């Protein structure tokens, strides 16, 4: 149950001018790179929510807890920069604020060339934890995939690799500022889906911004077993969305209103994926539980008009009208037959006695 969709001449004066521009650009780029390198951790935390320029140092401990969903908008790690001894186990603990979150090691931005830890798909709740033990010295950068571009990033420094200011953990506070004052709409923008998600389970009017990810995971059968989580996501063109069954709520499937994708018959487990190449807004549902609010949406890039948009009442009215029309057609076709049977019975009269 898997689907993959694949991803002149110039004058001498112009050439000289282009070369001069390239030289100036290179100089500017080199200066910019130098500035980024001067910032702690290569500028990785320059716009991270909660980071005030100081790394919190933990000593004489083998376990540290970091909040997931910190700050007034729930879009930060608390604290975002920590220093721990080798062998320390860091436990990330969800606060239940700011929507769905996860913890993903950013191997491309760190000293490591492979991803060492990932908590899984984004989750929401206050009873969720994830832990990882850091046995080797280094700088480990990480992020929340739905909210990385909104500043939800962090760093774990193991050993003597700390950069910038450092202070005892009890002296460092979660920094508030412009990045912490915004709402937690997850990049909802102006997407209202024409009322399609008005009765969708778990949908509270926001769209999880997952742009920047090559793959995005959506749970099938979340919450009470009859929801997609997140119910609405925004991704870049070329992103593969993977729907992953939780095993709750019975058999489910994933069906696009436009017909662009269909996972097949309802099942209780497994995964299904589809790659979105073009900018579009796709609304979708679980066929057995659409009426129970198991619906979702994927906004690709700038989006577009969603298929199947319109209020639930309008959809129900259309279905009722269609059923009424079909009943009238069937009755119209059967009426002559019923009339002929009636006339034939009347003409034949009562059965003759033997």
Protein backbone atom coordinates (compact mmCIF):
# COMPACT_ATOMS: atom_id res chain seq x y z
CA UNK A 1 0.00 0.00 0.00
CA UNK A 2 2.69 2.45 -1.08
CA UNK A 3 2.82 5.08 -3.76
CA UNK A 4 5.83 7.10 -4.85
CA UNK A 5 5.68 9.91 -7.26
CA UNK A 6 9.19 11.00 -8.71
CA UNK A 7 11.15 14.24 -8.07
CA UNK A 8 24.18 32.57 -23.73
CA UNK A 9 26.34 34.70 -25.26
CA UNK A 10 27.53 37.99 -23.77
CA UNK A 11 29.79 40.88 -24.78
CA UNK A 12 33.29 41.42 -23.37
CA UNK A 13 32.02 44.47 -21.42
CA UNK A 14 29.20 42.44 -19.91
CA UNK A 15 31.59 39.64 -19.01
CA UNK A 16 33.97 42.06 -17.26
CA UNK A 17 31.09 43.65 -15.39
CA UNK A 18 29.84 40.24 -14.30
CA UNK A 19 33.33 39.29 -13.12
CA UNK A 20 33.60 42.45 -11.02
CA UNK A 21 30.18 41.77 -9.51
CA UNK A 22 31.14 38.20 -8.71
CA UNK A 23 34.30 39.40 -6.97
CA UNK A 24 32.32 41.84 -4.84
CA UNK A 25 29.74 39.17 -4.06
CA UNK A 26 32.43 36.71 -3.07
CA UNK A 27 33.94 39.28 -0.73
CA UNK A 28 30.54 39.96 0.79
CA UNK A 29 29.85 36.24 1.13
CA UNK A 30 33.18 35.67 2.82
CA UNK A 31 32.44 38.47 5.26
CA UNK A 32 28.98 37.03 5.96
CA UNK A 33 30.47 33.60 6.55
CA UNK A 34 33.00 35.03 8.94
CA UNK A 35 30.25 36.78 10.88
CA UNK A 36 28.23 33.58 11.10
CA UNK A 37 31.28 31.68 12.33
CA UNK A 38 31.85 34.32 15.01
CA UNK A 39 28.38 33.62 16.46
CA UNK A 40 28.04 30.71 18.91
CA UNK A 41 27.43 27.38 17.17
CA UNK A 42 27.77 28.94 13.71
CA UNK A 43 24.68 31.07 14.21
CA UNK A 44 22.43 28.00 14.55
CA UNK A 45 20.68 29.57 17.54
CA UNK A 46 20.76 33.19 16.32
CA UNK A 47 16.96 33.27 16.00
CA UNK A 48 16.12 30.31 18.23
CA UNK A 49 13.26 30.93 20.64
CA UNK A 50 14.42 31.19 24.24
CA UNK A 51 18.11 31.64 23.45
CA UNK A 52 19.72 34.69 25.01
CA UNK A 53 23.33 33.99 24.04
CA UNK A 54 24.26 31.92 27.11
CA UNK A 55 24.72 28.15 27.37
CA UNK A 56 23.43 26.59 30.60
CA UNK A 57 26.04 24.31 32.17
CA UNK A 58 25.04 21.19 34.09
CA UNK A 59 27.75 19.58 36.23
CA UNK A 60 27.89 16.49 38.44
CA UNK A 61 24.75 15.00 36.93
CA UNK A 62 23.87 12.05 34.76
CA UNK A 63 20.42 13.24 33.67
CA UNK A 64 18.95 16.52 32.42
CA UNK A 65 15.39 17.41 31.40
CA UNK A 66 14.56 19.81 28.53
CA UNK A 67 11.02 21.09 27.95
CA UNK A 68 9.47 20.64 24.51
CA UNK A 69 6.97 23.41 23.82
CA UNK A 70 8.43 26.09 26.10
CA UNK A 71 7.73 29.82 26.02
CA UNK A 72 4.48 31.75 25.80
CA UNK A 73 3.77 30.41 22.31
CA UNK A 74 4.94 26.84 22.99
CA UNK A 75 7.49 26.99 20.17
CA UNK A 76 10.75 26.61 22.05
CA UNK A 77 13.02 24.20 23.87
CA UNK A 78 13.72 25.10 27.48
CA UNK A 79 16.60 25.61 27.75
CA UNK A 80 17.72 25.77 24.09
CA UNK A 81 21.49 25.55 24.78
CA UNK A 82 22.88 23.23 27.46
CA UNK A 83 26.29 21.80 28.34
CA UNK A 84 26.44 18.36 29.95
CA UNK A 85 29.14 15.84 30.96
CA UNK A 86 29.87 12.79 28.82
CA UNK A 87 27.44 9.97 29.54
CA UNK A 88 24.52 12.26 30.42
CA UNK A 89 21.01 11.20 29.46
CA UNK A 90 18.92 14.12 28.19
CA UNK A 91 15.16 13.66 28.52
CA UNK A 92 12.90 15.87 26.41
CA UNK A 93 9.52 16.34 28.05
CA UNK A 94 6.49 17.69 26.15
CA UNK A 95 4.52 20.52 27.78
CA UNK A 96 1.43 20.05 25.62
CA UNK A 97 1.72 23.62 24.29
CA UNK A 98 2.34 24.91 20.75
CA UNK A 99 0.82 22.05 18.77
CA UNK A 100 2.64 18.91 17.70
CA UNK A 101 6.40 18.61 18.21
CA UNK A 102 9.29 16.21 17.82
CA UNK A 103 13.03 16.16 18.50
CA UNK A 104 15.30 15.62 15.47
CA UNK A 105 19.11 15.57 15.43
CA UNK A 106 20.33 18.01 12.76
CA UNK A 107 23.27 16.00 11.43
CA UNK A 108 23.81 18.29 8.44
CA UNK A 109 24.37 21.29 10.71
CA UNK A 110 26.60 19.55 13.25
CA UNK A 111 29.88 17.66 13.48
CA UNK A 112 28.16 14.31 12.86
CA UNK A 113 27.46 12.97 9.37
CA UNK A 114 24.53 10.76 10.34
CA UNK A 115 21.34 11.30 12.31
CA UNK A 116 21.85 9.98 15.83
CA UNK A 117 18.44 10.54 17.38
CA UNK A 118 14.86 11.29 16.39
CA UNK A 119 11.76 11.03 18.56
CA UNK A 120 9.56 10.06 15.62
CA UNK A 121 6.66 11.93 14.07
CA UNK A 122 5.30 15.12 15.64
CA UNK A 123 3.14 14.49 18.71
CA UNK A 124 1.03 16.59 21.02
CA UNK A 125 0.43 16.01 24.73
CA UNK A 126 1.86 16.56 28.19
CA UNK A 127 2.68 12.93 28.93
CA UNK A 128 5.25 12.39 26.15
CA UNK A 129 8.99 12.01 26.73
CA UNK A 130 12.01 11.10 24.65
CA UNK A 131 15.57 10.48 25.81
CA UNK A 132 19.04 10.02 24.42
CA UNK A 133 22.36 9.33 26.15
CA UNK A 134 25.35 11.36 24.92
CA UNK A 135 28.44 9.14 25.22
CA UNK A 136 30.78 11.17 22.99
CA UNK A 137 31.99 14.76 23.17
CA UNK A 138 30.72 17.15 20.53
CA UNK A 139 28.12 19.75 19.61
CA UNK A 140 24.74 18.20 18.85
CA UNK A 141 22.24 20.48 17.09
CA UNK A 142 18.57 19.54 16.91
CA UNK A 143 15.15 20.94 16.02
CA UNK A 144 11.39 20.35 15.91
CA UNK A 145 10.52 19.51 12.30
CA UNK A 146 7.13 21.33 12.16
CA UNK A 147 8.56 24.49 13.73
CA UNK A 148 12.25 24.61 12.78
CA UNK A 149 11.73 27.67 10.59
CA UNK A 150 9.84 29.35 13.43
CA UNK A 151 12.88 29.14 15.73
CA UNK A 152 12.30 25.86 17.57
CA UNK A 153 15.92 24.70 17.69
CA UNK A 154 18.41 23.64 20.35
CA UNK A 155 21.97 22.53 21.05
CA UNK A 156 23.46 19.98 23.43
CA UNK A 157 27.16 20.49 24.10
CA UNK A 158 28.99 17.48 25.49
CA UNK A 159 32.41 18.08 27.02
CA UNK A 160 34.52 21.19 26.49
CA UNK A 161 33.07 22.37 23.17
CA UNK A 162 30.92 25.19 24.52
CA UNK A 163 30.83 28.41 22.49
CA UNK A 164 29.94 31.91 23.62
CA UNK A 165 28.90 32.72 27.18
CA UNK A 166 28.32 29.96 29.71
CA UNK A 167 26.71 30.03 33.15
CA UNK A 168 25.32 27.63 35.70
CA UNK A 169 21.99 26.09 34.77
CA UNK A 170 20.30 27.74 37.76
CA UNK A 171 21.43 31.17 36.51
CA UNK A 172 20.09 30.92 32.94
CA UNK A 173 16.49 31.74 32.11
CA UNK A 174 14.41 31.15 28.99
CA UNK A 175 14.85 34.38 27.01
CA UNK A 176 11.74 36.14 25.80
CA UNK A 177 11.60 38.48 22.83
CA UNK A 178 10.03 39.04 19.44
CA UNK A 179 10.43 35.40 18.50
CA UNK A 180 8.48 34.34 21.59
CA UNK A 181 5.60 36.74 21.32
CA UNK A 182 3.83 35.38 18.26
CA UNK A 183 0.97 32.95 18.13
CA UNK A 184 1.28 29.25 17.48
CA UNK A 185 -0.63 29.12 14.22
CA UNK A 186 2.07 26.98 12.61
CA UNK A 187 1.88 29.02 9.43
CA UNK A 188 -1.86 28.82 9.02
CA UNK A 189 -1.97 31.90 6.78
CA UNK A 190 -5.28 32.39 5.02
CA UNK A 191 -6.09 28.72 4.55
CA UNK A 192 -9.64 28.04 5.69
CA UNK A 193 -10.33 25.15 3.25
CA UNK A 194 -13.81 26.49 2.52
CA UNK A 195 -15.17 24.97 5.73
CA UNK A 196 -14.01 21.45 4.82
CA UNK A 197 -12.23 20.98 8.17
CA UNK A 198 -14.85 22.70 10.34
CA UNK A 199 -15.84 19.39 11.95
CA UNK A 200 -12.51 17.60 11.52
CA UNK A 201 -11.19 15.94 14.66
CA UNK A 202 -8.14 17.66 16.25
CA UNK A 203 -8.42 20.63 13.87
CA UNK A 204 -8.37 23.95 15.73
CA UNK A 205 -7.91 26.31 12.81
CA UNK A 206 -4.13 26.06 12.45
CA UNK A 207 -1.87 24.51 9.84
CA UNK A 208 1.40 22.84 10.91
CA UNK A 209 4.21 24.47 8.93
CA UNK A 210 6.51 21.61 7.85
CA UNK A 211 8.22 23.37 4.97
CA UNK A 212 11.90 22.51 4.74
CA UNK A 213 11.32 18.79 5.30
CA UNK A 214 11.78 16.15 2.59
CA UNK A 215 9.41 13.79 4.38
CA UNK A 216 6.49 14.52 6.71
CA UNK A 217 4.62 11.96 8.81
CA UNK A 218 0.90 12.14 9.60
CA UNK A 219 -0.67 9.71 12.09
CA UNK A 220 -3.77 7.81 10.98
CA UNK A 221 -6.12 6.93 13.84
CA UNK A 222 -4.87 9.50 16.37
CA UNK A 223 -6.58 10.92 19.45
CA UNK A 224 -9.80 8.88 19.80
CA UNK A 225 -8.80 6.67 16.86
CA UNK A 226 -10.72 8.78 14.35
CA UNK A 227 -8.34 11.62 13.51
CA UNK A 228 -5.36 12.54 11.35
CA UNK A 229 -2.53 14.19 13.29
CA UNK A 230 -1.64 16.82 12.31
CA UNK A 231 -4.97 17.29 10.51
CA UNK A 232 -3.56 20.08 8.32
CA UNK A 233 0.04 20.48 7.19
CA UNK A 234 1.92 22.83 4.86
CA UNK A 235 4.86 21.44 2.87
CA UNK A 236 7.16 22.35 -0.01
CA UNK A 237 6.68 21.00 -3.54
CA UNK A 238 8.57 17.71 -3.79
CA UNK A 239 7.79 16.67 -0.20
CA UNK A 240 6.65 13.13 0.50
CA UNK A 241 3.86 12.82 3.06
CA UNK A 242 3.79 9.48 4.88
CA UNK A 243 0.57 8.45 6.58
CA UNK A 244 1.33 6.03 9.41
CA UNK A 245 -1.41 3.94 11.03
CA UNK A 246 -1.58 3.93 14.86
CA UNK A 247 -3.66 0.75 15.04
CA UNK A 248 -6.51 2.58 16.79
CA UNK A 249 -10.09 3.11 15.65
CA UNK A 250 -10.44 0.11 13.35
CA UNK A 251 -9.82 0.10 9.61
CA UNK A 252 -8.85 3.38 7.94
CA UNK A 253 -7.77 4.63 4.53
CA UNK A 254 -6.56 7.90 3.01
CA UNK A 255 -8.58 9.22 0.06
CA UNK A 256 -8.10 12.59 -1.70
CA UNK A 257 -11.24 14.51 -2.59
CA UNK A 258 -9.63 15.32 -5.96
CA UNK A 259 -8.76 11.69 -6.67
CA UNK A 260 -5.02 12.47 -6.64
CA UNK A 261 -4.28 9.63 -4.22
CA UNK A 262 -6.07 6.70 -2.58
CA UNK A 263 -4.53 4.20 -0.17
CA UNK A 264 -7.08 1.52 -1.07
CA UNK A 265 -9.37 -0.50 1.16
CA UNK A 266 -9.51 0.35 4.89
CA UNK A 267 -6.88 -1.46 6.96
CA UNK A 268 -5.80 -1.44 10.61
CA UNK A 269 -2.05 -0.97 10.20
CA UNK A 270 0.67 0.02 7.75
CA UNK A 271 1.85 3.14 5.94
CA UNK A 272 0.95 4.98 2.75
CA UNK A 273 2.85 7.78 1.05
CA UNK A 274 2.40 10.32 -1.72
CA UNK A 275 4.83 12.90 -3.12
CA UNK A 276 3.36 16.34 -3.83
CA UNK A 277 5.12 17.87 -6.83
CA UNK A 278 2.89 20.87 -7.62
CA UNK A 279 1.55 23.76 -5.55
CA UNK A 280 -1.95 22.74 -4.59
CA UNK A 281 -4.28 22.28 -1.63
CA UNK A 282 -5.43 18.69 -1.24
CA UNK A 283 -8.23 17.79 1.15
CA UNK A 284 -8.67 14.15 2.06
CA UNK A 285 -10.61 11.80 4.33
CA UNK A 286 -10.97 8.29 5.73
CA UNK A 287 -13.86 6.72 3.83
CA UNK A 288 -15.38 4.71 6.75
CA UNK A 289 -15.13 7.63 9.19
CA UNK A 290 -15.52 10.78 7.09
CA UNK A 291 -18.88 11.48 8.69
CA UNK A 292 -17.25 11.14 12.12
CA UNK A 293 -14.80 13.96 11.36
CA UNK A 294 -11.78 12.01 10.14
CA UNK A 295 -10.60 14.51 7.55
CA UNK A 296 -7.36 16.32 6.72
CA UNK A 297 -5.59 18.67 4.34
CA UNK A 298 -2.17 19.21 2.76
CA UNK A 299 -1.17 22.69 1.57
CA UNK A 300 1.71 22.51 -0.91
CA UNK A 301 3.68 25.73 -1.34
CA UNK A 302 1.29 28.65 -1.81
CA UNK A 303 -1.61 26.20 -2.04
CA UNK A 304 -4.66 26.56 -4.25
CA UNK A 305 -8.37 25.95 -4.28
CA UNK A 306 -9.19 22.81 -2.34
CA UNK A 307 -11.29 20.07 -3.90
CA UNK A 308 -14.32 19.18 -1.83
CA UNK A 309 -14.38 22.56 -0.05
CA UNK A 310 -17.66 23.76 1.36
CA UNK A 311 -19.48 23.36 4.63
CA UNK A 312 -20.58 19.99 5.92
CA UNK A 313 -24.19 21.15 5.73
CA UNK A 314 -23.81 21.98 2.01
CA UNK A 315 -22.24 18.59 1.30
CA UNK A 316 -25.00 16.80 3.19
CA UNK A 317 -27.66 18.80 1.32
CA UNK A 318 -26.11 17.87 -2.02
CA UNK A 319 -26.04 14.20 -1.06
CA UNK A 320 -29.69 14.33 0.03
CA UNK A 321 -30.71 16.04 -3.22
CA UNK A 322 -28.87 13.41 -5.23
CA UNK A 323 -30.57 10.58 -3.36
CA UNK A 324 -33.97 12.18 -3.88
CA UNK A 325 -33.30 12.58 -7.61
CA UNK A 326 -32.25 8.95 -7.95
CA UNK A 327 -35.38 7.81 -6.12
CA UNK A 328 -37.58 9.85 -8.47
CA UNK A 329 -35.83 8.41 -11.53
CA UNK A 330 -36.27 4.85 -10.29
CA UNK A 331 -39.92 5.48 -9.45
CA UNK A 332 -40.48 7.03 -12.88
CA UNK A 333 -39.02 3.97 -14.59
CA UNK A 334 -41.03 1.50 -12.53
CA UNK A 335 -44.39 3.33 -12.69
CA UNK A 336 -45.43 2.02 -16.17
CA UNK A 337 -44.58 -1.53 -15.16
CA UNK A 338 -46.61 -1.29 -11.97
CA UNK A 339 -49.56 0.20 -13.90
CA UNK A 340 -49.54 -2.58 -16.52
CA UNK A 341 -49.47 -5.27 -13.82
CA UNK A 342 -52.40 -3.61 -12.08
CA UNK A 343 -54.49 -3.41 -15.31
CA UNK A 344 -53.70 -7.00 -16.24
CA UNK A 345 -54.82 -8.23 -12.85
CA UNK A 346 -58.07 -6.26 -13.05
CA UNK A 347 -58.86 -7.57 -16.55
CA UNK A 348 -58.20 -11.17 -15.66
CA UNK A 349 -60.86 -11.07 -12.91
CA UNK A 350 -61.21 -13.62 -10.08
CA UNK A 351 -60.04 -17.16 -10.71
CA UNK A 352 -62.69 -19.47 -12.22
CA UNK A 353 -64.05 -22.33 -10.05
CA UNK A 354 -62.94 -25.82 -10.94
